[in-house]
Amino acid sequence: MTQTDLDEELHDRAPDAPDAPPEPEPEAHKDSAKDSESLDEDNHLKSDFVRSVKDALHEDDFERVYDLVEPLHPADIADLFELFDERERLGLARAIRDLMSVEVIAELNDWVREALVEALPADVVAEIAEQLDTDDAVAMLEDLDEEDQQAVLAEMEPEDRAAIESALSYPEESAGRLMSRDFVAVPETMTVGDLIDFLREHRELPTEFWEVFIVDPMHRPIGTCALSWILRTPRNIPLYDVMARDQTLIPADMDQEEVALRFQKYALISAAVVDEAGRLIGLITVDDIVHIIQEEASEDILRLSGAGDGDINEPILVTVRTRLAWLVVNLGTAMIASSVVGLFQGAIAKFAILAVLMPIVSGMGGNAGTQTLAVVVRAIATNQLTDSNTVRMILREIRIALTNGFALGALIGTGTWLLFQNPLLGAVIATAMVVNNLTAGLAGILVPVTLDRFRIDPAVSSAVFVTTATDTMGFFSFLGLAVLTGLA
């Protein structure tokens, strides 16, 4: 992008400041941000460093801000923006304006980047997007409102606009949105020498790549050649004779989670993305997959708790809306469990100690169900649990649930007997513990498996059903056995 436009826009939206400091001299460049003592041993920005940058910014000492931030890696600059208050970020961008490279933009947290992008006019955003890789440009634009998105696309060059519009036409979180269109593909008729000459002569090729795709006349990938092979092979050898024919092809509409699993399973560095006709249209590299693996793992854990995205940069109202919705659902399930208790009010009135002990049964069942649920959801997400081993998994969890149930039942039963000098009460709570642990094990596996069969994300809805099952059965089994045995 042209730095002038970005400078002018940030100047208009941030407090007045002196001109940015001159370009640092080459010899002043530092190979590592650690030289400026900005990072700790865990590679996190030190609190003292962040405080120094903030103090300089609040004092309008923009030259000092620039000097502090300049040695940082673009990813660390992006982290610095996250640590600043929303009101301070435009001021920081103004102070370090010529450090606001596309690499920094690409590394920004989604919420932070969205706020900064929304503060800029469409033409400036378009210039930023044109310099980003396609996948990073799509990530920047896909969260914008439809009107803002179209305004930015209208400002872009036709070729760049067509590439982004094509990527946006694919489903969210699919390979089509994740892929880059910067790859090298050559016909199978070339020799190694032809390929080397081609790579040297064509300046418009990507600057970084690890392998070359070999395609047929229909532009369908039929093999790959690693750069190491090309450099070590005589020039007269046809590519067809040295290319690797086995390759993992990624359909453009494949979910990004499945893409990540394929990279992990086959230890891929890069993979070709193909359309419905099998034509090569893009490339996915392992650096993109690392982000996906982290996102998907975090997403499943947060969904189990109903915490939404769990991003500390997420607007408060969005977070409240997400969490409150799940809390209301949980309130409803809690009322179901409490209604079971209401059926045994008479028994509890006769033998009040039941009210003291019954939360133990339901609570332990809930914990056991959560353990099973976490294991099963992970197994489904990583394709460890499939149709071929579901029955074996169910039987395994039943054995685990019964073993844990008898162990916990023996402990709580013996303790209750000794504490209250009532062997019948000990036997009742021990039996209820076994029943509820078995319920927890079955619910913990059957609920997510059933939801998955109906194409419902088990990480989103499972916890509510499992908790309801264990609470309800915990109260019902304990209080019901107390009534049946004449204890109350």
Protein backbone atom coordinates (compact mmCIF):
# COMPACT_ATOMS: atom_id res chain seq x y z
CA MET A 1 0.00 0.00 0.00
CA THR A 2 1.16 3.59 -0.25
CA GLN A 3 2.31 4.70 3.16
CA THR A 4 1.15 8.26 2.52
CA ASP A 5 -2.54 7.32 2.54
CA LEU A 6 -2.24 5.34 5.73
CA ASP A 7 -0.22 8.12 7.36
CA GLU A 8 -2.78 10.75 6.46
CA GLU A 9 -5.68 8.67 7.72
CA LEU A 10 -4.02 7.82 11.00
CA HIS A 11 -2.99 11.44 11.39
CA ASP A 12 -6.60 12.54 11.07
CA ARG A 13 -7.76 10.05 13.70
CA ALA A 14 -5.00 10.32 16.29
CA PRO A 15 -3.69 13.20 18.42
CA ASP A 16 -1.30 15.62 16.82
CA ALA A 17 2.26 14.36 16.90
CA PRO A 18 5.61 15.30 15.45
CA ASP A 19 6.69 13.77 12.22
CA ALA A 20 7.74 10.15 12.41
CA PRO A 21 11.44 9.65 13.10
CA PRO A 22 13.72 9.08 10.14
CA GLU A 23 14.35 5.61 8.80
CA PRO A 24 16.80 3.79 11.08
CA GLU A 25 20.24 3.25 9.67
CA PRO A 26 20.98 -0.33 8.54
CA GLU A 27 23.68 -0.88 11.14
CA ALA A 28 21.23 -0.01 13.90
CA HIS A 29 18.98 -2.94 13.00
CA LYS A 30 18.72 -5.61 15.66
CA ASP A 31 18.38 -9.29 14.81
CA SER A 32 16.33 -10.03 17.89
CA ALA A 33 13.89 -8.06 20.01
CA LYS A 34 15.54 -9.67 23.01
CA ASP A 35 18.48 -7.30 22.46
CA SER A 36 16.21 -4.46 23.56
CA GLU A 37 15.05 -6.52 26.55
CA SER A 38 11.47 -6.33 25.38
CA LEU A 39 10.76 -10.07 25.62
CA ASP A 40 10.97 -12.38 28.61
CA GLU A 41 12.21 -15.97 28.65
CA ASP A 42 8.77 -17.19 27.50
CA ASN A 43 8.92 -14.87 24.48
CA HIS A 44 6.19 -12.63 25.89
CA LEU A 45 6.40 -8.85 25.92
CA LYS A 46 7.61 -7.71 29.31
CA SER A 47 5.19 -5.66 31.38
CA ASP A 48 7.89 -3.04 31.99
CA PHE A 49 8.41 -2.68 28.25
CA VAL A 50 4.69 -2.34 27.56
CA ARG A 51 4.42 0.24 30.33
CA SER A 52 7.32 2.21 28.83
CA VAL A 53 5.62 2.31 25.44
CA LYS A 54 2.34 3.43 27.01
CA ASP A 55 4.02 6.12 29.06
CA ALA A 56 5.81 7.47 26.00
CA LEU A 57 2.56 7.45 24.03
CA HIS A 58 0.65 9.28 26.78
CA GLU A 59 3.42 11.89 26.91
CA ASP A 60 3.19 12.34 23.12
CA ASP A 61 6.82 11.23 22.83
CA PHE A 62 6.29 9.51 19.50
CA GLU A 63 9.97 9.26 18.70
CA ARG A 64 10.48 7.28 21.91
CA VAL A 65 7.54 5.02 21.02
CA TYR A 66 9.05 4.38 17.61
CA ASP A 67 12.50 3.62 19.03
CA LEU A 68 11.04 1.13 21.50
CA VAL A 69 8.84 -0.69 18.98
CA GLU A 70 11.14 -0.69 15.94
CA PRO A 71 13.24 -3.77 16.95
CA LEU A 72 10.15 -5.94 17.44
CA HIS A 73 9.14 -8.72 15.07
CA PRO A 74 5.84 -8.01 13.25
CA ALA A 75 4.13 -10.72 15.34
CA ASP A 76 5.30 -9.03 18.54
CA ILE A 77 4.06 -5.65 17.29
CA ALA A 78 0.69 -7.28 16.72
CA ASP A 79 0.78 -8.63 20.29
CA LEU A 80 1.57 -5.13 21.54
CA PHE A 81 -1.65 -3.81 19.98
CA GLU A 82 -3.63 -6.43 21.92
CA LEU A 83 -2.12 -5.21 25.18
CA PHE A 84 -3.24 -1.63 24.54
CA ASP A 85 -6.60 -0.14 25.33
CA GLU A 86 -8.91 0.21 22.34
CA ARG A 87 -8.65 4.01 22.57
CA GLU A 88 -4.86 3.88 22.49
CA ARG A 89 -4.42 1.68 19.42
CA LEU A 90 -4.90 4.38 16.77
CA GLY A 91 -2.40 6.55 18.60
CA LEU A 92 0.08 3.68 18.61
CA ALA A 93 -0.50 3.08 14.91
CA ARG A 94 0.13 6.78 14.27
CA ALA A 95 3.38 6.75 16.24
CA ILE A 96 4.79 3.70 14.43
CA ARG A 97 3.08 4.34 11.11
CA ASP A 98 5.90 3.15 8.82
CA LEU A 99 6.24 -0.02 10.93
CA MET A 100 2.59 -0.88 10.23
CA SER A 101 3.51 -3.33 7.50
CA VAL A 102 1.22 -5.89 5.94
CA GLU A 103 2.99 -8.51 8.06
CA VAL A 104 1.78 -6.72 11.20
CA ILE A 105 -1.75 -6.41 9.81
CA ALA A 106 -1.80 -10.13 9.01
CA GLU A 107 -0.71 -11.06 12.55
CA LEU A 108 -3.24 -8.88 14.38
CA ASN A 109 -5.94 -10.47 16.49
CA ASP A 110 -9.19 -10.65 14.50
CA TRP A 111 -11.09 -8.27 16.78
CA VAL A 112 -8.22 -5.78 16.98
CA ARG A 113 -7.69 -5.85 13.22
CA GLU A 114 -11.40 -5.44 12.56
CA ALA A 115 -11.54 -2.33 14.76
CA LEU A 116 -8.51 -0.78 13.05
CA VAL A 117 -9.75 -1.67 9.59
CA GLU A 118 -13.18 -0.17 10.29
CA ALA A 119 -11.45 3.07 11.27
CA LEU A 120 -9.83 3.39 7.85
CA PRO A 121 -11.50 4.39 4.56
CA ALA A 122 -12.23 1.75 1.92
CA ASP A 123 -9.42 2.78 -0.44
CA VAL A 124 -6.76 2.44 2.26
CA VAL A 125 -8.10 -0.97 3.33
CA ALA A 126 -8.11 -2.02 -0.33
CA GLU A 127 -4.44 -1.12 -0.70
CA ILE A 128 -3.59 -3.12 2.42
CA ALA A 129 -5.55 -6.12 1.12
CA GLU A 130 -3.80 -6.01 -2.25
CA GLN A 131 -0.43 -6.51 -0.58
CA LEU A 132 -1.55 -9.35 1.67
CA ASP A 133 -1.62 -12.99 0.64
CA THR A 134 -5.09 -13.99 -0.52
CA ASP A 135 -5.87 -15.98 2.62
CA ASP A 136 -4.83 -13.10 4.89
CA ALA A 137 -6.80 -10.59 2.81
CA VAL A 138 -9.88 -12.80 3.04
CA ALA A 139 -9.45 -13.10 6.82
CA MET A 140 -9.32 -9.32 7.04
CA LEU A 141 -12.39 -8.67 4.87
CA GLU A 142 -14.71 -11.55 5.76
CA ASP A 143 -15.69 -10.06 9.14
CA LEU A 144 -16.63 -6.67 7.71
CA ASP A 145 -20.24 -5.72 7.14
CA GLU A 146 -21.49 -6.54 3.65
CA GLU A 147 -21.67 -2.86 2.72
CA ASP A 148 -18.11 -2.13 3.94
CA GLN A 149 -16.84 -5.29 2.28
CA GLN A 150 -18.27 -4.33 -1.09
CA ALA A 151 -16.88 -0.80 -0.76
CA VAL A 152 -13.38 -2.19 -0.20
CA LEU A 153 -13.66 -4.67 -3.08
CA ALA A 154 -14.78 -1.87 -5.40
CA GLU A 155 -11.50 -0.04 -4.71
CA MET A 156 -9.30 -3.03 -5.54
CA GLU A 157 -7.60 -3.93 -8.79
CA PRO A 158 -9.78 -6.28 -10.90
CA GLU A 159 -7.40 -9.24 -10.58
CA ASP A 160 -7.09 -8.95 -6.80
CA ARG A 161 -10.82 -8.35 -6.41
CA ALA A 162 -11.66 -11.45 -8.47
CA ALA A 163 -9.35 -13.62 -6.34
CA ILE A 164 -10.87 -12.43 -3.06
CA GLU A 165 -14.45 -12.64 -4.33
CA SER A 166 -13.75 -16.20 -5.44
CA ALA A 167 -12.39 -17.09 -1.99
CA LEU A 168 -15.34 -15.44 -0.25
CA SER A 169 -17.72 -17.57 -2.34
CA TYR A 170 -16.58 -20.66 -0.43
CA PRO A 171 -18.10 -21.58 2.95
CA GLU A 172 -16.62 -20.04 6.07
CA GLU A 173 -13.78 -22.05 7.63
CA SER A 174 -13.28 -24.02 4.42
CA ALA A 175 -10.12 -24.78 2.45
CA GLY A 176 -11.26 -22.35 -0.24
CA ARG A 177 -10.96 -19.44 2.20
CA LEU A 178 -7.80 -20.74 3.78
CA MET A 179 -5.83 -21.34 0.59
CA SER A 180 -3.32 -19.07 -1.10
CA ARG A 181 -3.28 -18.58 -4.84
CA ASP A 182 0.46 -17.99 -4.93
CA PHE A 183 1.88 -21.26 -6.22
CA VAL A 184 4.00 -22.57 -9.09
CA ALA A 185 2.50 -25.05 -11.55
CA VAL A 186 4.14 -26.27 -14.77
CA PRO A 187 3.21 -28.81 -17.49
CA GLU A 188 4.45 -32.38 -17.35
CA THR A 189 6.29 -31.92 -20.67
CA MET A 190 9.03 -29.80 -19.09
CA THR A 191 12.50 -31.05 -18.20
CA VAL A 192 14.34 -30.12 -15.03
CA GLY A 193 16.42 -27.64 -17.02
CA ASP A 194 13.29 -26.06 -18.52
CA LEU A 195 11.85 -25.65 -15.03
CA ILE A 196 15.00 -24.05 -13.62
CA ASP A 197 15.09 -21.57 -16.51
CA PHE A 198 11.39 -20.85 -16.03
CA LEU A 199 11.84 -20.14 -12.32
CA ARG A 200 14.77 -17.80 -12.99
CA GLU A 201 13.17 -15.85 -15.84
CA HIS A 202 9.65 -15.22 -14.51
CA ARG A 203 9.82 -12.48 -11.91
CA GLU A 204 6.10 -12.57 -11.13
CA LEU A 205 6.34 -15.98 -9.46
CA PRO A 206 5.92 -16.30 -5.68
CA THR A 207 9.04 -15.37 -3.74
CA GLU A 208 8.71 -18.29 -1.31
CA PHE A 209 7.67 -21.84 -2.14
CA TRP A 210 8.84 -25.38 -1.33
CA GLU A 211 7.55 -27.46 -4.18
CA VAL A 212 6.38 -27.17 -7.76
CA PHE A 213 3.11 -28.70 -8.90
CA ILE A 214 3.06 -30.69 -12.15
CA VAL A 215 -0.26 -30.43 -13.99
CA ASP A 216 -1.85 -32.05 -17.01
CA PRO A 217 -3.40 -30.11 -19.93
CA MET A 218 -6.63 -29.75 -17.90
CA HIS A 219 -4.63 -28.11 -15.08
CA ARG A 220 -5.20 -31.05 -12.76
CA PRO A 221 -2.28 -31.83 -10.44
CA ILE A 222 -0.59 -35.13 -11.26
CA GLY A 223 2.53 -34.79 -9.12
CA THR A 224 4.94 -32.57 -7.23
CA CYS A 225 8.65 -31.81 -7.33
CA ALA A 226 10.43 -30.56 -4.22
CA LEU A 227 12.98 -27.83 -4.85
CA SER A 228 15.69 -30.06 -3.35
CA TRP A 229 15.01 -32.67 -6.04
CA ILE A 230 15.11 -30.09 -8.79
CA LEU A 231 18.48 -28.73 -7.68
CA ARG A 232 20.04 -32.22 -7.48
CA THR A 233 18.71 -33.64 -10.75
CA PRO A 234 20.41 -33.34 -14.18
CA ARG A 235 18.83 -30.75 -16.48
CA ASN A 236 17.87 -33.22 -19.22
CA ILE A 237 15.64 -35.40 -17.02
CA PRO A 238 11.88 -34.98 -17.69
CA LEU A 239 9.83 -33.83 -14.72
CA TYR A 240 7.47 -36.71 -15.37
CA ASP A 241 10.25 -39.14 -14.41
CA VAL A 242 11.25 -37.50 -11.11
CA MET A 243 8.00 -36.09 -9.73
CA ALA A 244 6.24 -37.63 -6.73
CA ARG A 245 2.92 -38.97 -7.90
CA ASP A 246 1.44 -39.58 -4.46
CA GLN A 247 0.00 -36.36 -3.08
CA THR A 248 -2.79 -35.29 -0.79
CA LEU A 249 -5.36 -33.17 -2.62
CA ILE A 250 -7.63 -30.90 -0.61
CA PRO A 251 -11.15 -30.18 -1.96
CA ALA A 252 -11.90 -26.45 -1.81
CA ASP A 253 -15.09 -27.00 0.22
CA MET A 254 -13.42 -29.19 2.88
CA ASP A 255 -13.76 -27.91 6.44
CA GLN A 256 -10.55 -26.40 7.79
CA GLU A 257 -10.59 -28.79 10.76
CA GLU A 258 -10.50 -31.77 8.41
CA VAL A 259 -7.70 -30.07 6.45
CA ALA A 260 -5.68 -29.75 9.66
CA LEU A 261 -6.23 -33.43 10.44
CA ARG A 262 -4.89 -34.42 7.03
CA PHE A 263 -1.80 -32.29 7.49
CA GLN A 264 -1.24 -33.88 10.88
CA LYS A 265 -1.90 -37.45 9.69
CA TYR A 266 0.29 -37.30 6.58
CA ALA A 267 2.96 -34.89 7.96
CA LEU A 268 2.38 -32.41 5.12
CA ILE A 269 4.27 -29.17 4.57
CA SER A 270 1.97 -28.01 1.79
CA ALA A 271 -0.95 -29.42 -0.19
CA ALA A 272 -2.78 -28.57 -3.39
CA VAL A 273 -6.37 -27.35 -3.28
CA VAL A 274 -8.63 -28.46 -6.14
CA ASP A 275 -12.09 -27.48 -7.34
CA GLU A 276 -14.98 -29.81 -8.14
CA ALA A 277 -13.42 -30.68 -11.50
CA GLY A 278 -10.11 -31.55 -9.87
CA ARG A 279 -8.29 -28.48 -11.24
CA LEU A 280 -5.54 -26.89 -9.18
CA ILE A 281 -6.77 -23.58 -7.75
CA GLY A 282 -4.71 -22.98 -4.63
CA LEU A 283 -2.21 -24.05 -2.02
CA ILE A 284 -2.33 -24.52 1.74
CA THR A 285 0.88 -24.48 3.77
CA VAL A 286 1.64 -25.76 7.25
CA ASP A 287 2.03 -22.27 8.74
CA ASP A 288 -1.67 -21.69 8.11
CA ILE A 289 -2.51 -25.07 9.65
CA VAL A 290 -0.71 -24.27 12.89
CA HIS A 291 -3.16 -21.40 13.44
CA ILE A 292 -6.11 -23.62 12.56
CA ILE A 293 -5.09 -26.36 15.00
CA GLN A 294 -4.82 -23.81 17.79
CA GLU A 295 -8.14 -22.18 16.89
CA GLU A 296 -10.04 -25.46 16.64
CA ALA A 297 -8.64 -26.81 19.92
CA SER A 298 -9.52 -23.60 21.76
CA GLU A 299 -12.91 -23.42 20.08
CA ASP A 300 -13.98 -26.89 21.23
CA ILE A 301 -12.94 -26.28 24.83
CA LEU A 302 -14.72 -22.93 24.95
CA ARG A 303 -17.85 -24.30 23.33
CA LEU A 304 -18.06 -27.02 25.96
CA SER A 305 -18.25 -24.30 28.60
CA GLY A 306 -20.55 -22.04 26.56
CA ALA A 307 -18.02 -19.20 26.75
CA GLY A 308 -18.23 -18.26 23.06
CA ASP A 309 -14.99 -17.30 21.32
CA GLY A 310 -13.33 -16.60 24.64
CA ASP A 311 -11.27 -13.80 23.11
CA ILE A 312 -10.40 -11.08 25.62
CA ASN A 313 -10.56 -8.55 22.77
CA GLU A 314 -14.14 -9.50 21.96
CA PRO A 315 -16.65 -6.67 22.62
CA ILE A 316 -18.28 -6.98 26.04
CA LEU A 317 -21.82 -7.00 24.66
CA VAL A 318 -21.00 -9.88 22.30
CA THR A 319 -19.48 -11.86 25.18
CA VAL A 320 -22.43 -11.17 27.47
CA ARG A 321 -24.92 -12.19 24.79
CA THR A 322 -23.10 -15.48 24.13
CA ARG A 323 -22.59 -16.45 27.75
CA LEU A 324 -26.04 -15.34 28.89
CA ALA A 325 -27.73 -17.52 26.26
CA TRP A 326 -26.03 -20.63 27.63
CA LEU A 327 -26.62 -19.62 31.23
CA VAL A 328 -30.35 -19.32 30.50
CA VAL A 329 -30.30 -22.81 28.97
CA ASN A 330 -28.48 -24.13 32.04
CA LEU A 331 -31.06 -22.43 34.25
CA GLY A 332 -33.75 -24.42 32.48
CA THR A 333 -31.92 -27.71 32.96
CA ALA A 334 -31.33 -26.88 36.63
CA MET A 335 -35.08 -26.43 37.07
CA ILE A 336 -35.63 -29.89 35.59
CA ALA A 337 -33.24 -31.39 38.13
CA SER A 338 -34.83 -29.43 40.97
CA SER A 339 -38.27 -30.70 39.96
CA VAL A 340 -37.01 -34.25 40.62
CA VAL A 341 -36.01 -33.15 44.12
CA GLY A 342 -39.50 -31.71 44.54
CA LEU A 343 -40.97 -35.19 44.05
CA PHE A 344 -39.27 -36.31 47.26
CA GLN A 345 -40.01 -33.36 49.53
CA GLY A 346 -41.77 -35.61 52.00
CA ALA A 347 -38.84 -38.01 52.24
CA ILE A 348 -36.39 -35.15 52.73
CA ALA A 349 -38.60 -33.67 55.45
CA LYS A 350 -38.60 -36.99 57.32
CA PHE A 351 -34.87 -37.57 56.97
CA ALA A 352 -33.15 -34.21 56.50
CA ILE A 353 -29.69 -35.71 56.11
CA LEU A 354 -30.68 -36.69 52.56
CA ALA A 355 -30.56 -33.02 51.58
CA VAL A 356 -26.97 -32.86 52.80
CA LEU A 357 -25.77 -35.92 50.87
CA MET A 358 -27.65 -35.74 47.57
CA PRO A 359 -25.47 -32.96 46.04
CA ILE A 360 -22.48 -35.29 46.43
CA VAL A 361 -24.06 -37.90 44.16
CA SER A 362 -25.11 -35.44 41.46
CA GLY A 363 -21.85 -33.47 41.66
CA MET A 364 -19.62 -36.54 41.29
CA GLY A 365 -21.75 -37.74 38.41
CA GLY A 366 -21.40 -34.36 36.70
CA ASN A 367 -17.61 -34.48 37.06
CA ALA A 368 -17.45 -38.01 35.67
CA GLY A 369 -19.68 -37.04 32.76
CA THR A 370 -17.50 -34.03 31.96
CA GLN A 371 -14.40 -36.25 31.89
CA THR A 372 -16.00 -38.69 29.45
CA LEU A 373 -17.45 -35.89 27.36
CA ALA A 374 -14.07 -34.16 26.98
CA VAL A 375 -12.43 -37.40 25.83
CA VAL A 376 -15.19 -38.25 23.37
CA VAL A 377 -15.44 -34.76 21.84
CA ARG A 378 -11.68 -34.77 21.28
CA ALA A 379 -11.84 -38.26 19.77
CA ILE A 380 -14.56 -37.13 17.35
CA ALA A 381 -12.65 -33.96 16.45
CA THR A 382 -9.45 -35.91 15.70
CA ASN A 383 -11.25 -38.74 13.86
CA GLN A 384 -10.20 -41.28 16.50
CA LEU A 385 -13.85 -42.16 17.09
CA THR A 386 -15.57 -43.46 13.95
CA ASP A 387 -18.43 -45.80 13.02
CA SER A 388 -16.07 -48.76 13.13
CA ASN A 389 -15.08 -48.38 16.79
CA THR A 390 -18.09 -46.66 18.40
CA VAL A 391 -19.41 -49.84 20.05
CA ARG A 392 -15.97 -50.65 21.43
CA MET A 393 -15.70 -47.11 22.79
CA ILE A 394 -19.12 -47.38 24.47
CA LEU A 395 -18.19 -50.67 26.15
CA ARG A 396 -14.87 -49.19 27.25
CA GLU A 397 -16.56 -46.21 28.90
CA ILE A 398 -19.10 -48.49 30.60
CA ARG A 399 -16.27 -50.49 32.16
CA ILE A 400 -14.52 -47.30 33.26
CA ALA A 401 -17.75 -45.85 34.68
CA LEU A 402 -18.57 -49.00 36.65
CA THR A 403 -15.04 -49.29 38.02
CA ASN A 404 -15.00 -45.65 39.12
CA GLY A 405 -18.55 -45.94 40.43
CA PHE A 406 -17.79 -48.95 42.64
CA ALA A 407 -14.58 -47.32 43.91
CA LEU A 408 -16.28 -44.01 44.75
CA GLY A 409 -19.35 -45.82 46.08
CA ALA A 410 -17.23 -47.86 48.46
CA LEU A 411 -15.51 -44.72 49.71
CA ILE A 412 -18.60 -42.58 50.21
CA GLY A 413 -20.66 -45.51 51.48
CA THR A 414 -18.11 -46.44 54.12
CA GLY A 415 -17.61 -42.82 55.13
CA THR A 416 -21.36 -42.21 55.44
CA TRP A 417 -21.81 -45.38 57.47
CA LEU A 418 -19.07 -44.42 59.91
CA LEU A 419 -20.08 -40.75 60.13
CA PHE A 420 -23.81 -41.23 60.65
CA GLN A 421 -23.72 -44.73 62.12
CA ASN A 422 -26.30 -45.86 59.56
CA PRO A 423 -25.23 -48.79 57.33
CA LEU A 424 -28.41 -48.59 55.25
CA LEU A 425 -27.74 -44.94 54.41
CA GLY A 426 -24.19 -45.90 53.41
CA ALA A 427 -25.48 -48.65 51.12
CA VAL A 428 -28.03 -46.32 49.50
CA ILE A 429 -25.53 -43.59 48.68
CA ALA A 430 -22.98 -46.16 47.46
CA THR A 431 -25.52 -47.72 45.09
CA ALA A 432 -26.67 -44.29 43.86
CA MET A 433 -23.04 -43.38 43.17
CA VAL A 434 -22.59 -46.48 40.99
CA VAL A 435 -25.85 -45.79 39.10
CA ASN A 436 -25.03 -42.14 38.48
CA ASN A 437 -21.46 -42.87 37.37
CA LEU A 438 -22.83 -45.37 34.87
CA THR A 439 -25.31 -42.73 33.69
CA ALA A 440 -22.48 -40.21 33.38
CA GLY A 441 -20.37 -42.59 31.30
CA LEU A 442 -23.22 -43.47 28.95
CA ALA A 443 -24.39 -39.86 28.57
CA GLY A 444 -20.83 -38.66 28.10
CA ILE A 445 -20.39 -40.82 25.03
CA LEU A 446 -23.92 -41.30 23.65
CA VAL A 447 -24.86 -37.61 23.63
CA PRO A 448 -21.90 -36.32 21.55
CA VAL A 449 -21.97 -39.37 19.25
CA THR A 450 -25.70 -38.88 18.59
CA LEU A 451 -25.30 -35.17 17.96
CA ASP A 452 -22.43 -35.87 15.58
CA ARG A 453 -24.57 -38.34 13.64
CA PHE A 454 -27.14 -35.57 13.14
CA ARG A 455 -24.39 -33.19 11.93
CA ILE A 456 -24.64 -31.07 15.09
CA ASP A 457 -21.36 -29.94 16.60
CA PRO A 458 -21.08 -32.03 19.80
CA ALA A 459 -18.83 -29.42 21.40
CA VAL A 460 -21.68 -26.90 21.36
CA SER A 461 -24.62 -28.76 22.89
CA SER A 462 -23.34 -31.86 24.66
CA ALA A 463 -22.52 -30.37 28.05
CA VAL A 464 -26.11 -29.24 28.70
CA PHE A 465 -27.58 -32.69 28.03
CA VAL A 466 -24.90 -34.54 30.01
CA THR A 467 -25.25 -32.25 33.02
CA THR A 468 -29.04 -32.61 32.96
CA ALA A 469 -28.75 -36.40 32.82
CA THR A 470 -26.30 -36.67 35.72
CA ASP A 471 -28.13 -34.17 37.95
CA THR A 472 -31.51 -35.73 37.33
CA MET A 473 -30.33 -39.33 37.74
CA GLY A 474 -28.19 -38.42 40.74
CA PHE A 475 -31.13 -36.97 42.66
CA PHE A 476 -33.59 -39.60 41.44
CA SER A 477 -31.42 -42.62 42.22
CA PHE A 478 -30.39 -41.45 45.68
CA LEU A 479 -33.76 -40.18 46.85
CA GLY A 480 -35.64 -42.99 45.11
CA LEU A 481 -33.52 -45.69 46.77
CA ALA A 482 -33.97 -43.96 50.12
CA VAL A 483 -37.74 -44.22 49.72
CA LEU A 484 -37.69 -47.78 48.38
CA THR A 485 -35.55 -49.04 51.26
CA GLY A 486 -37.76 -47.35 53.85
CA LEU A 487 -34.93 -45.09 54.93
CA ALA A 488 -37.22 -42.06 54.63
